[in-house]
Every structure is written in structure tokens, then in C-alpha cells.
């Protein structure tokens, strides 16, 4: 058996629905405020992270510069060694030719 909907019952239902929407709207406002507050904190963390990446990049750049200097030194040593060997061989060849052997 169905109960009849009286005006009073409809008014009560309408009040409950309105109250529920008010609570939902308040919750949404609260969530928006939390999200906005969290954005500032997130931006600060991103800034800190970017600073750390910049520091890391600077350290890598320093290390690469040091490595390049060492490779340049090694290249010079190799060139000097090669020139010395060639001059040595030429000296040996010249001495052999000078002695007429």
C-alpha cells in the first residue's frame, strides 16, 4: 500500500534535498581551497627540484670539463710520443745510411 504524498512530506523531502546540496557545495568549496593551497606547496617543491637539477647539471658540466681536459692532455702526450718515435726511427735510419751498412 502506497502512502500519499502530502504537501508537508514533500516540503520535508525538498528541505532534505536542499540540505544535502548545501553540504555537497560546502565540501566542494573546502576541496577547492585545499587544492589551491596544495598548488603553492607543489610549486615550491617543483622549484626546489629544479634547483637541485640545476646543481646536478653544474656538477656534470664541471666533471665533463675535467674529463675533456684530461683527454686533451692524453692526446698531447700521444702526439708527442708519436713524434718522438718517428724522430727516433728517422735517426736510426739516418745512422744506418750514414754508416753505409
N, C-alpha and C. Protein backbone atom coordinates (compact mmCIF):
# COMPACT_ATOMS: atom_id res chain seq x y z
N UNK A 1 0.84 -1.18 0.00
CA UNK A 1 0.00 0.00 0.00
C UNK A 1 0.88 1.24 0.00
N UNK A 2 0.59 2.17 -0.89
CA UNK A 2 1.38 3.39 -1.01
C UNK A 2 0.83 4.45 -0.11
N UNK A 3 1.83 5.18 0.45
CA UNK A 3 1.39 6.30 1.27
C UNK A 3 1.16 7.51 0.37
N UNK A 4 0.30 8.34 0.75
CA UNK A 4 0.00 9.53 -0.02
C UNK A 4 1.03 10.60 0.30
N UNK A 5 1.47 11.30 -0.74
CA UNK A 5 2.43 12.39 -0.54
C UNK A 5 1.65 13.65 -0.22
N UNK A 6 1.84 14.08 0.99
CA UNK A 6 1.17 15.32 1.40
C UNK A 6 2.13 16.46 1.13
N UNK A 7 1.61 17.64 1.19
CA UNK A 7 2.44 18.82 1.00
C UNK A 7 3.54 18.89 2.06
N UNK A 8 3.21 18.51 3.26
CA UNK A 8 4.20 18.55 4.35
C UNK A 8 5.34 17.57 4.07
N UNK A 9 5.00 16.39 3.61
CA UNK A 9 6.04 15.39 3.30
C UNK A 9 6.90 15.86 2.13
N UNK A 10 6.28 16.45 1.14
CA UNK A 10 7.06 16.98 0.01
C UNK A 10 7.97 18.12 0.46
N UNK A 11 7.46 18.96 1.34
CA UNK A 11 8.29 20.06 1.86
C UNK A 11 9.48 19.52 2.66
N UNK A 12 9.24 18.46 3.46
CA UNK A 12 10.34 17.84 4.21
C UNK A 12 11.39 17.25 3.25
N UNK A 13 10.91 16.56 2.23
CA UNK A 13 11.83 15.98 1.24
C UNK A 13 12.62 17.08 0.54
N UNK A 14 11.94 18.14 0.16
CA UNK A 14 12.59 19.26 -0.50
C UNK A 14 13.66 19.87 0.42
N UNK A 15 13.38 20.00 1.70
CA UNK A 15 14.34 20.56 2.66
C UNK A 15 15.54 19.63 2.79
N UNK A 16 15.31 18.32 2.82
CA UNK A 16 16.41 17.36 2.93
C UNK A 16 17.31 17.42 1.69
N UNK A 17 16.69 17.53 0.53
CA UNK A 17 17.47 17.61 -0.71
C UNK A 17 18.28 18.90 -0.72
N UNK A 18 17.65 20.01 -0.36
CA UNK A 18 18.37 21.29 -0.32
C UNK A 18 19.53 21.23 0.67
N UNK A 19 19.29 20.62 1.83
CA UNK A 19 20.35 20.49 2.84
C UNK A 19 21.50 19.63 2.30
N UNK A 20 21.17 18.56 1.61
CA UNK A 20 22.21 17.71 1.03
C UNK A 20 23.04 18.47 0.00
N UNK A 21 22.39 19.25 -0.85
CA UNK A 21 23.13 20.04 -1.84
C UNK A 21 24.02 21.08 -1.16
N UNK A 22 23.52 21.69 -0.09
CA UNK A 22 24.35 22.67 0.65
C UNK A 22 25.60 22.01 1.20
N UNK A 23 25.48 20.80 1.73
CA UNK A 23 26.64 20.08 2.27
C UNK A 23 27.63 19.73 1.16
N UNK A 24 27.09 19.30 0.02
CA UNK A 24 27.96 18.95 -1.11
C UNK A 24 28.68 20.20 -1.60
N UNK A 25 27.98 21.30 -1.73
CA UNK A 25 28.61 22.55 -2.17
C UNK A 25 29.69 23.00 -1.18
N UNK A 26 29.42 22.85 0.11
CA UNK A 26 30.42 23.22 1.12
C UNK A 26 31.64 22.32 1.01
N UNK A 27 31.42 21.04 0.80
CA UNK A 27 32.54 20.10 0.62
C UNK A 27 33.36 20.46 -0.61
N UNK A 28 32.70 20.82 -1.69
CA UNK A 28 33.41 21.20 -2.92
C UNK A 28 34.24 22.46 -2.68
N UNK A 29 33.66 23.45 -1.99
CA UNK A 29 34.42 24.67 -1.67
C UNK A 29 35.64 24.35 -0.83
N UNK A 30 35.46 23.48 0.14
CA UNK A 30 36.58 23.07 1.00
C UNK A 30 37.67 22.37 0.19
N UNK A 31 37.27 21.47 -0.70
CA UNK A 31 38.24 20.77 -1.55
C UNK A 31 38.98 21.74 -2.46
N UNK A 32 38.24 22.70 -3.02
CA UNK A 32 38.89 23.69 -3.88
C UNK A 32 39.94 24.48 -3.10
N UNK A 33 39.60 24.86 -1.88
CA UNK A 33 40.56 25.61 -1.05
C UNK A 33 41.79 24.75 -0.76
N UNK A 34 41.59 23.47 -0.48
CA UNK A 34 42.72 22.57 -0.23
C UNK A 34 43.59 22.42 -1.47
N UNK A 35 42.94 22.29 -2.60
CA UNK A 35 43.70 22.14 -3.85
C UNK A 35 44.50 23.40 -4.14
N UNK A 36 43.87 24.55 -3.97
CA UNK A 36 44.59 25.81 -4.20
C UNK A 36 45.75 25.97 -3.24
N UNK A 37 45.55 25.59 -2.01
CA UNK A 37 46.64 25.65 -1.03
C UNK A 37 47.74 24.66 -1.36
N UNK A 38 47.36 23.50 -1.87
CA UNK A 38 48.35 22.49 -2.24
C UNK A 38 49.13 22.87 -3.48
N UNK A 39 48.55 23.69 -4.34
CA UNK A 39 49.26 24.11 -5.55
C UNK A 39 50.49 24.93 -5.19
N UNK A 40 50.35 25.79 -4.19
CA UNK A 40 51.50 26.60 -3.77
C UNK A 40 52.62 25.72 -3.24
N UNK A 41 52.25 24.73 -2.45
CA UNK A 41 53.24 23.80 -1.91
C UNK A 41 53.87 22.98 -3.03
N UNK A 42 53.05 22.55 -3.98
CA UNK A 42 53.57 21.78 -5.11
C UNK A 42 54.52 22.63 -5.94
N UNK A 43 54.16 23.89 -6.17
CA UNK A 43 55.05 24.78 -6.92
C UNK A 43 56.37 24.97 -6.20
N UNK A 44 56.33 25.09 -4.88
CA UNK A 44 57.57 25.23 -4.11
C UNK A 44 58.43 23.98 -4.27
N UNK A 45 57.82 22.83 -4.23
CA UNK A 45 58.57 21.58 -4.39
C UNK A 45 59.16 21.47 -5.79
N UNK A 46 58.41 21.91 -6.79
CA UNK A 46 58.96 21.89 -8.15
C UNK A 46 60.14 22.85 -8.26
N UNK A 47 60.03 24.01 -7.61
CA UNK A 47 61.15 24.96 -7.63
C UNK A 47 62.38 24.35 -6.97
N UNK A 48 62.19 23.68 -5.84
CA UNK A 48 63.31 23.03 -5.16
C UNK A 48 63.90 21.94 -6.05
N UNK A 49 63.04 21.19 -6.71
CA UNK A 49 63.51 20.12 -7.58
C UNK A 49 64.31 20.70 -8.75
N UNK A 50 63.81 21.80 -9.33
CA UNK A 50 64.53 22.44 -10.43
C UNK A 50 65.88 22.97 -9.98
N UNK A 51 65.96 23.51 -8.76
CA UNK A 51 67.24 23.97 -8.23
C UNK A 51 68.21 22.81 -8.08
N UNK A 52 67.72 21.70 -7.61
CA UNK A 52 68.58 20.52 -7.46
C UNK A 52 69.05 20.02 -8.83
N UNK A 53 68.16 20.02 -9.82
CA UNK A 53 68.57 19.62 -11.17
C UNK A 53 69.63 20.57 -11.71
N UNK A 54 69.45 21.86 -11.46
CA UNK A 54 70.45 22.83 -11.91
C UNK A 54 71.80 22.57 -11.25
N UNK A 55 71.79 22.27 -9.95
CA UNK A 55 73.04 21.96 -9.25
C UNK A 55 73.68 20.71 -9.83
N UNK A 56 72.85 19.70 -10.09
CA UNK A 56 73.37 18.46 -10.66
C UNK A 56 73.95 18.72 -12.04
N UNK A 57 73.27 19.52 -12.85
CA UNK A 57 73.79 19.85 -14.18
C UNK A 57 75.12 20.58 -14.09
N UNK A 58 75.25 21.48 -13.12
CA UNK A 58 76.52 22.19 -12.94
C UNK A 58 77.63 21.22 -12.57
N UNK A 59 77.32 20.27 -11.69
CA UNK A 59 78.33 19.28 -11.31
C UNK A 59 78.74 18.43 -12.51
N UNK A 60 77.76 18.00 -13.31
CA UNK A 60 78.08 17.23 -14.51
C UNK A 60 78.93 18.06 -15.47
N UNK A 61 78.58 19.33 -15.64
CA UNK A 61 79.36 20.18 -16.53
C UNK A 61 80.81 20.29 -16.05
N UNK A 62 80.99 20.44 -14.74
CA UNK A 62 82.34 20.50 -14.18
C UNK A 62 83.09 19.20 -14.45
N UNK A 63 82.43 18.08 -14.24
CA UNK A 63 83.08 16.78 -14.46
C UNK A 63 83.43 16.59 -15.93
N UNK A 64 82.52 16.98 -16.81
CA UNK A 64 82.80 16.85 -18.24
C UNK A 64 83.96 17.75 -18.66
N UNK A 65 84.02 18.95 -18.09
CA UNK A 65 85.14 19.83 -18.38
C UNK A 65 86.45 19.20 -17.93
N UNK A 66 86.44 18.60 -16.74
CA UNK A 66 87.64 17.93 -16.24
C UNK A 66 88.01 16.76 -17.16
N UNK A 67 87.02 15.99 -17.58
CA UNK A 67 87.29 14.87 -18.48
C UNK A 67 87.86 15.36 -19.80
N UNK A 68 87.30 16.44 -20.34
CA UNK A 68 87.80 16.98 -21.60
C UNK A 68 89.25 17.43 -21.45
N UNK A 69 89.58 18.06 -20.33
CA UNK A 69 90.96 18.48 -20.10
C UNK A 69 91.89 17.26 -20.05
N UNK A 70 91.46 16.22 -19.40
CA UNK A 70 92.29 15.01 -19.31
C UNK A 70 92.46 14.36 -20.68
N UNK A 71 91.39 14.31 -21.48
CA UNK A 71 91.51 13.76 -22.82
C UNK A 71 92.45 14.62 -23.68
N UNK A 72 92.38 15.92 -23.51
CA UNK A 72 93.28 16.81 -24.25
C UNK A 72 94.73 16.55 -23.85
N UNK A 73 94.97 16.39 -22.55
CA UNK A 73 96.32 16.07 -22.09
C UNK A 73 96.79 14.73 -22.66
N UNK A 74 95.93 13.74 -22.65
CA UNK A 74 96.27 12.43 -23.17
C UNK A 74 96.57 12.52 -24.67
N UNK A 75 95.79 13.29 -25.40
CA UNK A 75 96.01 13.47 -26.83
C UNK A 75 97.39 14.11 -27.07
N UNK A 76 97.72 15.15 -26.30
CA UNK A 76 99.03 15.79 -26.44
C UNK A 76 100.15 14.79 -26.19
N UNK A 77 100.02 14.01 -25.15
CA UNK A 77 101.05 13.01 -24.81
C UNK A 77 101.19 12.00 -25.95
N UNK A 78 100.05 11.57 -26.51
CA UNK A 78 100.10 10.60 -27.61
C UNK A 78 100.79 11.21 -28.84
N UNK A 79 100.49 12.46 -29.16
CA UNK A 79 101.11 13.13 -30.31
C UNK A 79 102.61 13.28 -30.08
N UNK A 80 102.99 13.71 -28.87
CA UNK A 80 104.41 13.87 -28.56
C UNK A 80 105.12 12.52 -28.63
N UNK A 81 104.50 11.49 -28.14
CA UNK A 81 105.10 10.15 -28.20
C UNK A 81 105.27 9.68 -29.63
N UNK A 82 104.26 9.91 -30.46
CA UNK A 82 104.33 9.52 -31.87
C UNK A 82 105.45 10.27 -32.59
N UNK A 83 105.51 11.58 -32.34
CA UNK A 83 106.57 12.38 -32.96
C UNK A 83 107.92 11.89 -32.50
N UNK A 84 108.06 11.59 -31.22
CA UNK A 84 109.33 11.09 -30.69
C UNK A 84 109.71 9.77 -31.34
N UNK A 85 108.77 8.87 -31.51
CA UNK A 85 109.04 7.59 -32.17
C UNK A 85 109.47 7.78 -33.62
N UNK A 86 108.76 8.64 -34.32
CA UNK A 86 109.11 8.90 -35.72
C UNK A 86 110.51 9.49 -35.82
N UNK A 87 110.82 10.47 -34.97
CA UNK A 87 112.15 11.07 -34.96
C UNK A 87 113.19 10.02 -34.61
N UNK A 88 112.90 9.16 -33.65
CA UNK A 88 113.83 8.09 -33.28
C UNK A 88 114.08 7.14 -34.43
N UNK A 89 113.00 6.73 -35.11
CA UNK A 89 113.18 5.83 -36.26
C UNK A 89 113.96 6.51 -37.38
N UNK A 90 113.66 7.78 -37.61
CA UNK A 90 114.41 8.51 -38.64
C UNK A 90 115.89 8.61 -38.27
N UNK A 91 116.16 8.80 -36.97
CA UNK A 91 117.55 8.84 -36.50
C UNK A 91 118.24 7.51 -36.72
N UNK A 92 117.55 6.42 -36.44
CA UNK A 92 118.13 5.09 -36.64
C UNK A 92 118.38 4.86 -38.13
N UNK A 93 117.43 5.21 -38.96
CA UNK A 93 117.57 5.04 -40.41
C UNK A 93 118.72 5.90 -40.93
N UNK A 94 118.83 7.15 -40.43
CA UNK A 94 119.89 8.03 -40.86
C UNK A 94 121.25 7.49 -40.44
N UNK A 95 121.33 6.94 -39.23
CA UNK A 95 122.60 6.40 -38.77
C UNK A 95 123.00 5.16 -39.59
N UNK A 96 122.02 4.34 -39.95
CA UNK A 96 122.29 3.15 -40.77
C UNK A 96 122.78 3.59 -42.15
N UNK A 97 122.13 4.59 -42.72
CA UNK A 97 122.52 5.06 -44.03
C UNK A 97 123.89 5.75 -43.99
N UNK A 98 124.17 6.44 -42.88
CA UNK A 98 125.46 7.15 -42.75
C UNK A 98 126.60 6.17 -42.62
N UNK A 99 126.39 5.05 -41.96
CA UNK A 99 127.45 4.07 -41.79
C UNK A 99 127.62 3.21 -43.04
N UNK A 100 126.68 3.24 -43.90
CA UNK A 100 126.78 2.50 -45.15
C UNK A 100 126.57 1.03 -45.00
N UNK A 101 125.94 0.61 -44.02
CA UNK A 101 125.78 -0.83 -43.81
C UNK A 101 124.71 -1.38 -44.60
